[in-house]
């Protein structure tokens, strides 16, 4: 799978340094994955939550954090949508949250 984008993950682990190694591991595993559907993904990540036909939530760093992605299986692309801790996750609508690009200087 192609993960869009590592820079987004880097921004997240700068905010949550304890999650860095777990995010890197998830990224490496996802890059070599070849998922065609949710069933294949769930074989690798049993604790992943399937939210819609594209949206998936992964538990990261011993379930201390949540990573929301959109997956286009036919294109083999995973789009990073959102990452945060449980307190932040509880405040969002997982079905409607969108990626927000920030311009850092």
N, C-alpha and C. Protein backbone atom coordinates (compact mmCIF):
# COMPACT_ATOMS: atom_id res chain seq x y z
N UNK A 1 0.84 -1.17 0.00
CA UNK A 1 0.00 0.00 0.00
C UNK A 1 0.89 1.24 0.00
N UNK A 2 0.39 2.29 -0.57
CA UNK A 2 1.09 3.57 -0.54
C UNK A 2 0.43 4.42 0.54
N UNK A 3 1.21 4.90 1.50
CA UNK A 3 0.69 5.69 2.61
C UNK A 3 0.94 7.16 2.33
N UNK A 4 -0.13 7.94 2.35
CA UNK A 4 -0.07 9.39 2.12
C UNK A 4 -0.35 10.07 3.45
N UNK A 5 0.52 10.68 4.09
CA UNK A 5 1.91 10.91 3.77
C UNK A 5 2.74 10.75 5.05
N UNK A 6 3.99 10.37 4.87
CA UNK A 6 4.89 10.19 6.02
C UNK A 6 5.09 11.50 6.75
N UNK A 7 5.05 12.63 6.04
CA UNK A 7 5.19 13.93 6.70
C UNK A 7 4.08 14.14 7.73
N UNK A 8 2.88 13.71 7.38
CA UNK A 8 1.76 13.84 8.32
C UNK A 8 2.02 13.00 9.56
N UNK A 9 2.50 11.78 9.39
CA UNK A 9 2.84 10.95 10.55
C UNK A 9 3.94 11.60 11.37
N UNK A 10 4.93 12.18 10.71
CA UNK A 10 6.02 12.86 11.41
C UNK A 10 5.48 14.01 12.27
N UNK A 11 4.55 14.77 11.71
CA UNK A 11 3.94 15.86 12.47
C UNK A 11 3.24 15.32 13.72
N UNK A 12 2.58 14.17 13.56
CA UNK A 12 1.88 13.58 14.71
C UNK A 12 2.85 13.08 15.77
N UNK A 13 3.94 12.42 15.37
CA UNK A 13 4.84 11.92 16.41
C UNK A 13 5.65 13.04 17.05
N UNK A 14 5.76 14.17 16.38
CA UNK A 14 6.37 15.32 17.06
C UNK A 14 5.45 15.82 18.18
N UNK A 15 4.16 15.75 17.95
CA UNK A 15 3.18 16.15 18.97
C UNK A 15 3.06 15.08 20.06
N UNK A 16 3.17 13.81 19.67
CA UNK A 16 3.04 12.68 20.60
C UNK A 16 4.28 11.78 20.48
N UNK A 17 5.43 12.20 21.07
CA UNK A 17 6.68 11.45 20.89
C UNK A 17 6.62 9.99 21.36
N UNK A 18 5.80 9.69 22.33
CA UNK A 18 5.70 8.29 22.79
C UNK A 18 5.14 7.37 21.71
N UNK A 19 4.45 7.92 20.75
CA UNK A 19 3.83 7.11 19.69
C UNK A 19 4.74 6.92 18.48
N UNK A 20 5.91 7.56 18.47
CA UNK A 20 6.76 7.55 17.27
C UNK A 20 7.08 6.14 16.78
N UNK A 21 7.61 5.29 17.63
CA UNK A 21 8.00 3.94 17.20
C UNK A 21 6.81 3.14 16.72
N UNK A 22 5.67 3.28 17.40
CA UNK A 22 4.46 2.55 16.99
C UNK A 22 3.96 3.05 15.64
N UNK A 23 4.00 4.36 15.41
CA UNK A 23 3.59 4.90 14.12
C UNK A 23 4.54 4.45 13.00
N UNK A 24 5.83 4.44 13.28
CA UNK A 24 6.79 3.96 12.29
C UNK A 24 6.55 2.49 11.95
N UNK A 25 6.29 1.69 12.97
CA UNK A 25 6.00 0.27 12.74
C UNK A 25 4.73 0.09 11.91
N UNK A 26 3.67 0.84 12.27
CA UNK A 26 2.43 0.76 11.50
C UNK A 26 2.69 1.15 10.05
N UNK A 27 3.47 2.22 9.84
CA UNK A 27 3.78 2.69 8.49
C UNK A 27 4.51 1.61 7.69
N UNK A 28 5.54 1.03 8.28
CA UNK A 28 6.31 -0.02 7.58
C UNK A 28 5.43 -1.21 7.24
N UNK A 29 4.60 -1.64 8.18
CA UNK A 29 3.72 -2.78 7.94
C UNK A 29 2.69 -2.47 6.86
N UNK A 30 2.19 -1.25 6.86
CA UNK A 30 1.20 -0.86 5.86
C UNK A 30 1.81 -0.74 4.47
N UNK A 31 3.05 -0.28 4.40
CA UNK A 31 3.71 -0.12 3.10
C UNK A 31 3.92 -1.47 2.41
N UNK A 32 4.14 -2.52 3.16
CA UNK A 32 4.35 -3.83 2.53
C UNK A 32 3.06 -4.64 2.41
N UNK A 33 1.99 -4.13 2.99
CA UNK A 33 0.71 -4.82 2.92
C UNK A 33 0.13 -4.72 1.50
N UNK A 34 -0.76 -5.65 1.19
CA UNK A 34 -1.43 -5.66 -0.11
C UNK A 34 -2.91 -5.98 0.11
N UNK A 35 -3.56 -5.14 0.91
CA UNK A 35 -4.96 -5.37 1.24
C UNK A 35 -5.86 -5.09 0.04
N UNK A 36 -6.80 -5.97 -0.18
CA UNK A 36 -7.80 -5.78 -1.23
C UNK A 36 -9.16 -5.44 -0.67
N UNK A 37 -9.33 -5.64 0.64
CA UNK A 37 -10.62 -5.37 1.27
C UNK A 37 -10.43 -5.37 2.79
N UNK A 38 -11.53 -5.05 3.49
CA UNK A 38 -11.47 -5.00 4.95
C UNK A 38 -11.14 -6.34 5.58
N UNK A 39 -11.61 -7.42 4.99
CA UNK A 39 -11.33 -8.74 5.56
C UNK A 39 -9.84 -9.04 5.59
N UNK A 40 -9.14 -8.68 4.54
CA UNK A 40 -7.69 -8.90 4.50
C UNK A 40 -6.98 -8.01 5.51
N UNK A 41 -7.43 -6.78 5.64
CA UNK A 41 -6.86 -5.88 6.64
C UNK A 41 -7.06 -6.44 8.05
N UNK A 42 -8.28 -6.92 8.33
CA UNK A 42 -8.59 -7.45 9.66
C UNK A 42 -7.79 -8.71 9.99
N UNK A 43 -7.33 -9.42 8.99
CA UNK A 43 -6.46 -10.57 9.23
C UNK A 43 -5.15 -10.12 9.86
N UNK A 44 -4.65 -8.98 9.42
CA UNK A 44 -3.40 -8.43 9.95
C UNK A 44 -3.63 -7.61 11.21
N UNK A 45 -4.71 -6.83 11.25
CA UNK A 45 -5.01 -5.94 12.37
C UNK A 45 -6.39 -6.28 12.92
N UNK A 46 -6.45 -7.27 13.77
CA UNK A 46 -7.74 -7.72 14.31
C UNK A 46 -8.47 -6.64 15.11
N UNK A 47 -7.71 -5.74 15.75
CA UNK A 47 -8.32 -4.70 16.58
C UNK A 47 -8.69 -3.44 15.81
N UNK A 48 -8.43 -3.42 14.51
CA UNK A 48 -8.82 -2.26 13.71
C UNK A 48 -10.35 -2.19 13.67
N UNK A 49 -10.86 -0.97 13.68
CA UNK A 49 -12.31 -0.76 13.62
C UNK A 49 -12.68 -0.27 12.23
N UNK A 50 -13.56 -1.01 11.58
CA UNK A 50 -14.04 -0.64 10.25
C UNK A 50 -15.22 0.31 10.45
N UNK A 51 -15.09 1.55 10.00
CA UNK A 51 -16.10 2.58 10.22
C UNK A 51 -17.03 2.70 9.01
N UNK A 52 -16.46 2.63 7.81
CA UNK A 52 -17.25 2.71 6.58
C UNK A 52 -16.53 1.92 5.50
N UNK A 53 -17.00 2.03 4.26
CA UNK A 53 -16.34 1.27 3.20
C UNK A 53 -14.90 1.71 2.95
N UNK A 54 -14.51 2.91 3.42
CA UNK A 54 -13.14 3.40 3.28
C UNK A 54 -12.45 3.66 4.61
N UNK A 55 -13.20 4.06 5.61
CA UNK A 55 -12.62 4.57 6.85
C UNK A 55 -12.32 3.45 7.84
N UNK A 56 -11.09 3.51 8.41
CA UNK A 56 -10.63 2.51 9.38
C UNK A 56 -9.93 3.24 10.52
N UNK A 57 -10.11 2.73 11.73
CA UNK A 57 -9.41 3.26 12.91
C UNK A 57 -8.48 2.18 13.44
N UNK A 58 -7.20 2.55 13.59
CA UNK A 58 -6.20 1.64 14.15
C UNK A 58 -5.87 2.08 15.57
N UNK A 59 -5.68 1.09 16.44
CA UNK A 59 -5.19 1.34 17.79
C UNK A 59 -3.66 1.37 17.72
N UNK A 60 -3.07 2.41 18.26
CA UNK A 60 -1.62 2.61 18.17
C UNK A 60 -1.03 2.71 19.57
N UNK A 61 0.15 2.14 19.72
CA UNK A 61 0.93 2.20 20.97
C UNK A 61 0.11 1.65 22.14
N UNK A 62 -0.22 0.38 22.02
CA UNK A 62 -0.94 -0.29 23.10
C UNK A 62 -2.32 0.29 23.34
N UNK A 63 -2.95 0.79 22.29
CA UNK A 63 -4.29 1.38 22.34
C UNK A 63 -4.32 2.71 23.10
N UNK A 64 -3.18 3.37 23.23
CA UNK A 64 -3.14 4.69 23.86
C UNK A 64 -3.53 5.79 22.89
N UNK A 65 -3.42 5.50 21.59
CA UNK A 65 -3.71 6.48 20.55
C UNK A 65 -4.59 5.84 19.48
N UNK A 66 -5.22 6.70 18.68
CA UNK A 66 -6.04 6.24 17.56
C UNK A 66 -5.55 6.91 16.28
N UNK A 67 -5.49 6.12 15.22
CA UNK A 67 -5.11 6.60 13.91
C UNK A 67 -6.28 6.33 12.97
N UNK A 68 -6.80 7.40 12.36
CA UNK A 68 -7.91 7.27 11.42
C UNK A 68 -7.35 7.42 10.02
N UNK A 69 -7.72 6.48 9.15
CA UNK A 69 -7.28 6.51 7.77
C UNK A 69 -8.46 6.26 6.84
N UNK A 70 -8.31 6.69 5.61
CA UNK A 70 -9.20 6.31 4.53
C UNK A 70 -8.40 5.44 3.59
N UNK A 71 -8.98 4.32 3.18
CA UNK A 71 -8.27 3.39 2.32
C UNK A 71 -9.00 3.23 1.00
N UNK A 72 -8.27 3.43 -0.07
CA UNK A 72 -8.76 3.17 -1.42
C UNK A 72 -8.12 1.85 -1.85
N UNK A 73 -8.82 0.75 -1.58
CA UNK A 73 -8.24 -0.57 -1.83
C UNK A 73 -7.87 -0.77 -3.30
N UNK A 74 -8.72 -0.34 -4.22
CA UNK A 74 -8.45 -0.56 -5.65
C UNK A 74 -7.24 0.23 -6.14
N UNK A 75 -6.92 1.34 -5.49
CA UNK A 75 -5.74 2.13 -5.84
C UNK A 75 -4.52 1.79 -4.98
N UNK A 76 -4.75 1.01 -3.92
CA UNK A 76 -3.68 0.61 -2.98
C UNK A 76 -3.09 1.83 -2.27
N UNK A 77 -3.98 2.76 -1.85
CA UNK A 77 -3.54 3.97 -1.16
C UNK A 77 -4.23 4.09 0.19
N UNK A 78 -3.44 4.46 1.20
CA UNK A 78 -3.95 4.73 2.54
C UNK A 78 -3.71 6.21 2.81
N UNK A 79 -4.78 6.95 3.09
CA UNK A 79 -4.68 8.36 3.39
C UNK A 79 -4.78 8.57 4.89
N UNK A 80 -3.79 9.22 5.48
CA UNK A 80 -3.82 9.55 6.89
C UNK A 80 -4.84 10.68 7.07
N UNK A 81 -5.79 10.48 7.97
CA UNK A 81 -6.84 11.48 8.20
C UNK A 81 -6.64 12.19 9.53
N UNK A 82 -6.40 11.43 10.59
CA UNK A 82 -6.35 12.02 11.94
C UNK A 82 -5.59 11.10 12.87
N UNK A 83 -4.92 11.69 13.87
CA UNK A 83 -4.24 10.93 14.91
C UNK A 83 -4.34 11.69 16.22
N UNK A 84 -4.56 10.97 17.30
CA UNK A 84 -4.60 11.61 18.60
C UNK A 84 -4.81 10.61 19.72
N UNK A 85 -4.86 11.13 20.93
CA UNK A 85 -5.09 10.25 22.08
C UNK A 85 -6.59 10.04 22.28
N UNK A 86 -6.94 9.20 23.24
CA UNK A 86 -8.35 8.85 23.45
C UNK A 86 -9.19 10.05 23.85
N UNK A 87 -8.62 10.94 24.64
CA UNK A 87 -9.37 12.12 25.08
C UNK A 87 -9.78 12.96 23.88
N UNK A 88 -8.84 13.15 22.95
CA UNK A 88 -9.13 13.91 21.73
C UNK A 88 -10.08 13.14 20.81
N UNK A 89 -9.86 11.84 20.71
CA UNK A 89 -10.69 10.97 19.86
C UNK A 89 -12.16 11.03 20.29
N UNK A 90 -12.38 11.06 21.59
CA UNK A 90 -13.75 11.09 22.11
C UNK A 90 -14.48 12.38 21.75
N UNK A 91 -13.75 13.41 21.34
CA UNK A 91 -14.36 14.70 21.01
C UNK A 91 -14.70 14.86 19.53
N UNK A 92 -14.30 13.91 18.70
CA UNK A 92 -14.51 14.05 17.26
C UNK A 92 -15.58 13.07 16.77
N UNK A 93 -16.09 13.33 15.59
CA UNK A 93 -16.98 12.41 14.91
C UNK A 93 -16.12 11.63 13.92
N UNK A 94 -15.85 10.38 14.25
CA UNK A 94 -14.92 9.58 13.47
C UNK A 94 -15.37 9.42 12.01
N UNK A 95 -16.67 9.49 11.77
CA UNK A 95 -17.18 9.34 10.41
C UNK A 95 -17.01 10.61 9.58
N UNK A 96 -16.92 11.75 10.24
CA UNK A 96 -16.90 13.02 9.51
C UNK A 96 -15.58 13.78 9.58
N UNK A 97 -14.69 13.41 10.49
CA UNK A 97 -13.44 14.16 10.62
C UNK A 97 -12.66 14.08 9.32
N UNK A 98 -12.04 15.21 8.94
CA UNK A 98 -11.25 15.30 7.73
C UNK A 98 -9.83 15.73 8.08
N UNK A 99 -8.93 15.40 7.18
CA UNK A 99 -7.56 15.83 7.33
C UNK A 99 -7.50 17.34 7.22
N UNK A 100 -6.79 17.96 8.12
CA UNK A 100 -6.60 19.41 8.08
C UNK A 100 -5.12 19.67 7.92
N UNK A 101 -4.75 20.28 6.81
CA UNK A 101 -3.36 20.59 6.55
C UNK A 101 -2.99 21.87 7.27
N UNK A 102 -1.87 21.80 7.97
CA UNK A 102 -1.37 23.01 8.65
C UNK A 102 -0.10 23.44 7.94
N UNK A 103 0.07 24.71 7.78
CA UNK A 103 1.27 25.25 7.15
C UNK A 103 2.25 25.67 8.22
N UNK A 104 3.26 24.84 8.42
CA UNK A 104 4.31 25.18 9.39
C UNK A 104 5.38 25.98 8.71
N UNK A 105 5.91 26.94 9.43
CA UNK A 105 7.01 27.74 8.88
C UNK A 105 8.30 27.38 9.54
